[in-house]
């Protein structure tokens, strides 16, 4: 179970696509009302290095703060080559004391399913076979975290086997997008946000020929490729069992209209974030972590505060926040090294 890896979508994808050529939290105690604080991979690593996990747990409990653990951070932490570091990081992240989030791919699929149910109910099966889907979801709520804690090397191997190819592709895409952005002179200050529009490069069934919001151009293509053409096993696992895929595949026009005109931006905030983060990342120097940052950004609608040492991530999130269709977490920039623990502990105390 929980074998799939939620690899980030290719960043910097332009909106002139041809078709079809390519946060839910769980805890035993129930609903969580405390302030939710998500720590970036770099912050976790520093805390683990100074044996700060137990002080973190005590501070969170004393100040009634929920420390959030998400799969995207686990993936990054387990990619370290040193087995001892990997073991200690896995043990820290997999504690039951934290609020555990489902993979962002699950949350994105649920968002899309609800919009399809509202706008295209005929695409949903009357009696879907959800046995495997339910087992998969249940495994992410407990089994995945148990394996991370007990067998971090095995989980790291699965992550590498299932996600490395897509990660390499995403890294190549971010580099290409950065080069294109530089050549066009794009900067964070010239980005049009919700005034950005796009069109298809060729006549497309279901498209009325008018411009549409740019984020829709990314989603209409990615979801068709990942779900309908089956390029993403993860997307198929979470959304495929609910749908009559043959009916959707039989006519592309309703699909095009759905994405370019009908779905509500406010109902799909993670789609908007994927697009906005990818486009703004193309205005900055990229790194191997750039695709992961795009993935991690989707969790900002599930938490209240995000702590990172990454100045670029903070800058992009802060620039995105006023335009985002859903409330976005505050970002706090932590110092690096041993001072990260002190910073986080002081932050938790200030929230009590």
Protein backbone atom coordinates (compact mmCIF):
# COMPACT_ATOMS: atom_id res chain seq x y z
CA UNK A 1 0.00 0.00 0.00
CA UNK A 2 0.95 3.66 -0.30
CA UNK A 3 3.48 2.77 -2.98
CA UNK A 4 2.90 5.76 -5.21
CA UNK A 5 5.00 8.89 -4.96
CA UNK A 6 3.39 12.25 -5.58
CA UNK A 7 5.97 13.66 -7.92
CA UNK A 8 5.74 17.39 -8.67
CA UNK A 9 4.28 18.47 -11.97
CA UNK A 10 6.60 20.00 -14.48
CA UNK A 11 7.17 23.62 -13.57
CA UNK A 12 7.08 26.54 -15.96
CA UNK A 13 4.69 24.86 -18.39
CA UNK A 14 3.36 27.38 -20.88
CA UNK A 15 -0.35 27.76 -21.42
CA UNK A 16 -0.40 27.16 -25.18
CA UNK A 17 -1.18 23.42 -24.99
CA UNK A 18 -2.56 21.01 -27.50
CA UNK A 19 -4.96 18.37 -26.27
CA UNK A 20 -4.74 15.50 -25.87
CA UNK A 21 -0.98 15.59 -26.52
CA UNK A 22 0.11 16.48 -23.20
CA UNK A 23 -5.60 18.89 2.54
CA UNK A 24 -7.20 16.77 4.65
CA UNK A 25 -5.74 16.06 8.07
CA UNK A 26 -6.27 13.00 10.23
CA UNK A 27 -5.66 12.44 13.92
CA UNK A 28 -7.10 10.05 16.47
CA UNK A 29 -8.26 12.89 18.68
CA UNK A 30 -10.56 14.25 15.96
CA UNK A 31 -10.84 17.78 14.64
CA UNK A 32 -7.82 19.96 15.35
CA UNK A 33 -8.44 23.61 16.16
CA UNK A 34 -4.93 24.56 17.30
CA UNK A 35 -2.65 26.72 15.18
CA UNK A 36 -1.09 24.42 12.58
CA UNK A 37 2.63 24.90 11.95
CA UNK A 38 4.36 23.16 9.06
CA UNK A 39 8.15 22.93 9.13
CA UNK A 40 10.17 22.77 5.94
CA UNK A 41 12.67 19.98 5.36
CA UNK A 42 15.64 22.21 6.13
CA UNK A 43 14.16 23.19 9.51
CA UNK A 44 13.46 19.57 10.44
CA UNK A 45 17.01 18.62 9.54
CA UNK A 46 18.50 21.28 11.80
CA UNK A 47 16.19 20.33 14.67
CA UNK A 48 17.12 16.66 14.38
CA UNK A 49 20.83 17.46 14.26
CA UNK A 50 20.69 19.19 17.68
CA UNK A 51 18.42 16.55 19.30
CA UNK A 52 15.62 19.09 19.38
CA UNK A 53 12.66 16.82 18.63
CA UNK A 54 11.64 16.26 22.26
CA UNK A 55 11.89 19.99 23.14
CA UNK A 56 9.78 20.65 20.06
CA UNK A 57 7.14 18.15 21.18
CA UNK A 58 6.99 19.60 24.67
CA UNK A 59 6.77 23.19 23.41
CA UNK A 60 4.00 22.32 20.96
CA UNK A 61 1.99 20.62 23.66
CA UNK A 62 2.55 23.37 26.23
CA UNK A 63 1.49 26.07 23.78
CA UNK A 64 -1.36 24.08 22.19
CA UNK A 65 0.17 24.18 18.73
CA UNK A 66 -0.18 21.41 16.14
CA UNK A 67 3.12 20.57 14.45
CA UNK A 68 2.27 19.32 10.98
CA UNK A 69 4.04 16.48 9.13
CA UNK A 70 3.36 16.04 5.42
CA UNK A 71 4.49 13.39 2.92
CA UNK A 72 6.31 15.92 0.71
CA UNK A 73 8.70 16.75 3.55
CA UNK A 74 9.15 13.05 4.32
CA UNK A 75 10.15 12.42 0.72
CA UNK A 76 12.80 15.11 0.85
CA UNK A 77 14.15 14.01 4.22
CA UNK A 78 14.46 10.38 3.12
CA UNK A 79 16.38 11.25 -0.03
CA UNK A 80 19.54 11.80 2.04
CA UNK A 81 22.19 9.16 1.27
CA UNK A 82 23.51 8.79 4.83
CA UNK A 83 21.51 5.93 6.45
CA UNK A 84 22.02 7.24 10.01
CA UNK A 85 20.74 10.71 9.12
CA UNK A 86 17.84 9.15 7.23
CA UNK A 87 16.93 7.00 10.23
CA UNK A 88 16.93 9.90 12.68
CA UNK A 89 14.94 12.16 10.36
CA UNK A 90 12.38 9.45 9.69
CA UNK A 91 11.97 8.73 13.39
CA UNK A 92 11.41 12.42 14.09
CA UNK A 93 8.86 12.99 11.33
CA UNK A 94 6.85 9.83 11.92
CA UNK A 95 5.99 10.50 15.58
CA UNK A 96 2.32 10.24 16.43
CA UNK A 97 2.54 13.57 18.26
CA UNK A 98 2.30 15.46 14.97
CA UNK A 99 -0.71 16.28 12.85
CA UNK A 100 -0.37 14.16 9.72
CA UNK A 101 -1.57 15.34 6.33
CA UNK A 102 -2.56 13.20 3.40
CA UNK A 103 -0.45 13.50 0.21
CA UNK A 104 -1.18 16.63 -1.77
CA UNK A 105 -2.16 14.41 -4.71
CA UNK A 106 -5.08 13.10 -2.64
CA UNK A 107 -6.25 16.59 -1.73
CA UNK A 108 -5.94 17.79 -5.32
CA UNK A 109 -7.90 14.79 -6.58
CA UNK A 110 -10.64 15.39 -4.01
CA UNK A 111 -10.93 19.03 -5.11
CA UNK A 112 -11.28 17.99 -8.74
CA UNK A 113 -13.75 15.21 -7.94
CA UNK A 114 -16.04 17.64 -6.13
CA UNK A 115 -16.02 20.02 -9.09
CA UNK A 116 -16.74 17.16 -11.49
CA UNK A 117 -19.59 16.01 -9.27
CA UNK A 118 -21.03 19.53 -9.39
CA UNK A 119 -20.49 20.19 -13.10
CA UNK A 120 -20.22 16.76 -14.78
CA UNK A 121 -22.14 14.29 -12.59
CA UNK A 122 -22.53 11.98 -15.56
CA UNK A 123 -18.79 11.30 -15.48
CA UNK A 124 -18.99 9.78 -12.00
CA UNK A 125 -19.87 6.12 -11.67
CA UNK A 126 -23.15 5.32 -9.91
CA UNK A 127 -21.58 2.48 -7.93
CA UNK A 128 -17.79 2.93 -7.95
CA UNK A 129 -15.64 0.13 -6.58
CA UNK A 130 -13.80 2.00 -3.81
CA UNK A 131 -12.38 -0.96 -1.94
CA UNK A 132 -8.82 -0.39 -3.11
CA UNK A 133 -9.21 3.39 -2.83
CA UNK A 134 -10.36 3.07 0.79
CA UNK A 135 -7.52 0.72 1.68
CA UNK A 136 -5.06 3.09 0.04
CA UNK A 137 -6.39 6.07 1.98
CA UNK A 138 -6.36 4.17 5.26
CA UNK A 139 -2.78 3.10 4.65
CA UNK A 140 -1.69 6.72 4.20
CA UNK A 141 -3.31 7.57 7.52
CA UNK A 142 -1.22 5.05 9.47
CA UNK A 143 0.69 2.38 7.59
CA UNK A 144 2.85 4.77 5.59
CA UNK A 145 4.01 6.59 8.71
CA UNK A 146 4.67 3.32 10.51
CA UNK A 147 6.88 2.13 7.66
CA UNK A 148 8.73 5.45 7.58
CA UNK A 149 9.57 5.03 11.24
CA UNK A 150 10.48 1.33 11.13
CA UNK A 151 11.91 0.90 7.62
CA UNK A 152 13.15 4.27 6.36
CA UNK A 153 15.65 2.67 4.00
CA UNK A 154 12.94 0.59 2.33
CA UNK A 155 10.64 3.60 1.98
CA UNK A 156 13.53 5.66 0.58
CA UNK A 157 14.08 2.94 -2.01
CA UNK A 158 10.43 3.09 -3.06
CA UNK A 159 10.59 6.87 -3.34
CA UNK A 160 13.68 6.64 -5.51
CA UNK A 161 12.29 3.90 -7.75
CA UNK A 162 8.88 5.49 -8.25
CA UNK A 163 9.68 9.18 -8.29
CA UNK A 164 13.19 9.86 -9.54
CA UNK A 165 12.34 9.89 -13.25
CA UNK A 166 9.53 12.40 -12.86
CA UNK A 167 11.65 14.47 -10.52
CA UNK A 168 14.43 14.66 -13.10
CA UNK A 169 11.90 15.68 -15.74
CA UNK A 170 10.53 18.37 -13.44
CA UNK A 171 14.01 19.69 -12.72
CA UNK A 172 14.76 19.88 -16.44
CA UNK A 173 11.47 21.71 -16.98
CA UNK A 174 12.23 24.28 -14.29
CA UNK A 175 15.62 24.99 -15.85
CA UNK A 176 14.04 25.43 -19.28
CA UNK A 177 11.36 27.70 -17.83
CA UNK A 178 14.01 29.79 -16.10
CA UNK A 179 15.95 30.25 -19.36
CA UNK A 180 12.77 31.28 -21.15
CA UNK A 181 11.86 33.69 -18.37
CA UNK A 182 15.30 35.28 -18.53
CA UNK A 183 15.14 35.64 -22.29
CA UNK A 184 11.75 37.39 -22.02
CA UNK A 185 12.86 39.60 -19.15
CA UNK A 186 10.20 38.31 -16.76
CA UNK A 187 10.51 39.28 -13.08
CA UNK A 188 8.36 38.84 -10.00
CA UNK A 189 7.43 42.51 -10.32
CA UNK A 190 6.09 42.16 -13.87
CA UNK A 191 4.09 39.00 -13.20
CA UNK A 192 0.40 39.56 -13.98
CA UNK A 193 -1.07 37.11 -11.43
CA UNK A 194 -4.83 36.83 -11.99
CA UNK A 195 -4.65 39.08 -15.05
CA UNK A 196 -2.53 36.50 -16.90
CA UNK A 197 -4.40 34.78 -19.72
CA UNK A 198 -3.69 32.09 -22.27
CA UNK A 199 -5.00 30.38 -25.37
CA UNK A 200 -4.48 27.06 -27.13
CA UNK A 201 -1.91 27.02 -29.90
CA UNK A 202 -4.31 25.21 -32.24
CA UNK A 203 -8.11 24.95 -32.57
CA UNK A 204 -9.32 22.61 -29.81
CA UNK A 205 -12.74 20.96 -29.43
CA UNK A 206 -14.71 22.72 -26.73
CA UNK A 207 -12.66 25.92 -26.83
CA UNK A 208 -14.58 29.05 -27.81
CA UNK A 209 -11.47 30.79 -29.15
CA UNK A 210 -11.33 33.39 -26.36
CA UNK A 211 -8.58 33.83 -23.81
CA UNK A 212 -8.93 32.13 -20.45
CA UNK A 213 -7.20 32.46 -17.08
CA UNK A 214 -3.65 31.19 -17.42
CA UNK A 215 -3.83 28.69 -14.56
CA UNK A 216 -6.54 26.83 -16.46
CA UNK A 217 -4.16 26.19 -19.34
CA UNK A 218 -1.81 24.26 -17.08
CA UNK A 219 -4.56 22.23 -15.41
CA UNK A 220 -6.53 21.29 -18.53
CA UNK A 221 -3.41 19.70 -20.00
CA UNK A 222 -1.88 18.15 -16.88
CA UNK A 223 -5.07 16.47 -15.69
CA UNK A 224 -5.84 15.12 -19.17
CA UNK A 225 -2.37 13.64 -19.47
CA UNK A 226 -2.13 12.33 -15.90
CA UNK A 227 -5.68 11.02 -15.53
CA UNK A 228 -7.23 10.33 -18.91
CA UNK A 229 -4.05 9.27 -20.71
CA UNK A 230 -2.87 7.47 -17.57
CA UNK A 231 0.57 9.07 -17.30
CA UNK A 232 0.35 9.39 -13.51
CA UNK A 233 -0.41 6.19 -11.53
CA UNK A 234 -0.89 8.36 -8.45
CA UNK A 235 -3.65 10.42 -10.07
CA UNK A 236 -5.34 7.25 -11.31
CA UNK A 237 -5.24 5.74 -7.82
CA UNK A 238 -6.98 8.70 -6.22
CA UNK A 239 -9.46 9.80 -8.88
CA UNK A 240 -9.73 6.95 -11.38
CA UNK A 241 -12.01 4.67 -9.30
CA UNK A 242 -14.69 7.37 -9.11
CA UNK A 243 -14.94 8.03 -12.84
CA UNK A 244 -16.14 6.47 -16.05
CA UNK A 245 -12.86 7.21 -17.83
CA UNK A 246 -14.07 5.83 -21.15
CA UNK A 247 -16.96 8.28 -21.17
CA UNK A 248 -14.64 11.19 -20.39
CA UNK A 249 -12.13 10.08 -23.01
CA UNK A 250 -14.76 9.73 -25.72
CA UNK A 251 -15.31 13.46 -26.16
CA UNK A 252 -12.69 16.07 -25.34
CA UNK A 253 -14.99 19.07 -25.84
CA UNK A 254 -16.78 18.86 -22.45
CA UNK A 255 -13.39 18.43 -20.79
CA UNK A 256 -12.06 21.57 -22.44
CA UNK A 257 -15.13 23.61 -21.50
CA UNK A 258 -14.99 22.32 -17.95
CA UNK A 259 -11.46 23.53 -17.35
CA UNK A 260 -11.32 26.68 -19.46
CA UNK A 261 -14.70 28.15 -18.44
CA UNK A 262 -16.66 26.27 -15.80
CA UNK A 263 -14.62 25.17 -12.79
CA UNK A 264 -14.41 27.75 -10.00
CA UNK A 265 -10.96 29.03 -9.10
CA UNK A 266 -11.96 29.16 -5.43
CA UNK A 267 -12.83 25.46 -5.52
CA UNK A 268 -9.40 24.49 -6.90
CA UNK A 269 -6.88 26.64 -5.01
CA UNK A 270 -4.11 24.05 -5.33
CA UNK A 271 -4.40 24.23 -9.11
CA UNK A 272 -3.91 27.97 -8.98
CA UNK A 273 -0.97 27.58 -6.60
CA UNK A 274 0.71 25.01 -8.88
CA UNK A 275 0.51 27.46 -11.76
CA UNK A 276 1.48 30.59 -9.82
CA UNK A 277 4.43 28.94 -8.09
CA UNK A 278 5.77 27.48 -11.33
CA UNK A 279 5.51 30.78 -13.18
CA UNK A 280 7.11 32.85 -10.43
CA UNK A 281 9.84 30.27 -9.86
CA UNK A 282 10.87 30.93 -13.45
CA UNK A 283 11.83 34.46 -12.38
CA UNK A 284 14.45 33.17 -9.91
CA UNK A 285 17.54 30.99 -10.07
CA UNK A 286 16.51 27.33 -9.89
CA UNK A 287 17.92 24.49 -7.82
CA UNK A 288 17.31 20.75 -7.45
CA UNK A 289 14.72 21.62 -4.83
CA UNK A 290 12.65 23.89 -7.07
CA UNK A 291 10.12 21.20 -8.17
CA UNK A 292 9.72 20.08 -4.55
CA UNK A 293 8.94 23.65 -3.54
CA UNK A 294 6.10 23.69 -6.06
CA UNK A 295 4.77 20.51 -4.51
CA UNK A 296 5.20 21.81 -0.96
CA UNK A 297 3.43 25.08 -1.75
CA UNK A 298 0.11 23.23 -2.18
CA UNK A 299 0.13 22.49 1.56
CA UNK A 300 0.02 26.19 2.38
CA UNK A 301 -3.79 26.07 2.24
CA UNK A 302 -3.84 23.32 4.89
CA UNK A 303 -1.81 25.08 7.59
CA UNK A 304 -1.57 28.43 9.35
CA UNK A 305 2.19 29.00 9.47
CA UNK A 306 5.04 27.63 7.37
CA UNK A 307 8.60 27.83 8.69
CA UNK A 308 11.57 27.59 6.33
CA UNK A 309 15.14 28.83 5.93
CA UNK A 310 14.55 29.34 2.20
CA UNK A 311 14.40 33.08 1.41
CA UNK A 312 13.25 32.50 -2.17
CA UNK A 313 10.30 30.37 -1.05
CA UNK A 314 9.27 33.04 1.47
CA UNK A 315 9.50 35.77 -1.17
CA UNK A 316 7.40 33.83 -3.67
CA UNK A 317 4.77 32.82 -1.12
CA UNK A 318 4.49 36.38 0.15
CA UNK A 319 4.08 37.69 -3.40
CA UNK A 320 1.45 35.05 -4.15
CA UNK A 321 -0.63 35.49 -1.00
CA UNK A 322 -2.68 38.62 -1.92
CA UNK A 323 -3.82 36.99 -5.17
CA UNK A 324 -4.44 33.41 -4.01
CA UNK A 325 -8.09 32.24 -4.19
CA UNK A 326 -7.80 30.67 -0.70
CA UNK A 327 -6.16 31.80 2.55
CA UNK A 328 -2.45 31.03 2.39
CA UNK A 329 -0.30 30.23 5.41
CA UNK A 330 1.95 32.87 6.88
CA UNK A 331 5.61 32.25 6.13
CA UNK A 332 8.33 32.68 8.75
CA UNK A 333 11.98 32.56 7.77
CA UNK A 334 14.15 30.71 10.28
CA UNK A 335 17.91 31.07 10.68
CA UNK A 336 19.98 28.08 9.64
CA UNK A 337 21.89 25.71 11.90
CA UNK A 338 21.30 25.23 15.62
CA UNK A 339 19.48 28.57 15.85
CA UNK A 340 16.55 27.03 13.96
CA UNK A 341 15.40 25.17 17.07
CA UNK A 342 15.48 28.32 19.18
CA UNK A 343 13.56 30.20 16.49
CA UNK A 344 10.81 27.56 16.32
CA UNK A 345 10.49 27.25 20.10
CA UNK A 346 10.13 31.01 20.45
CA UNK A 347 7.56 31.03 17.66
CA UNK A 348 5.47 28.36 19.39
CA UNK A 349 5.58 30.28 22.64
CA UNK A 350 4.39 33.43 20.91
CA UNK A 351 1.33 31.54 19.60
CA UNK A 352 0.04 30.48 23.02
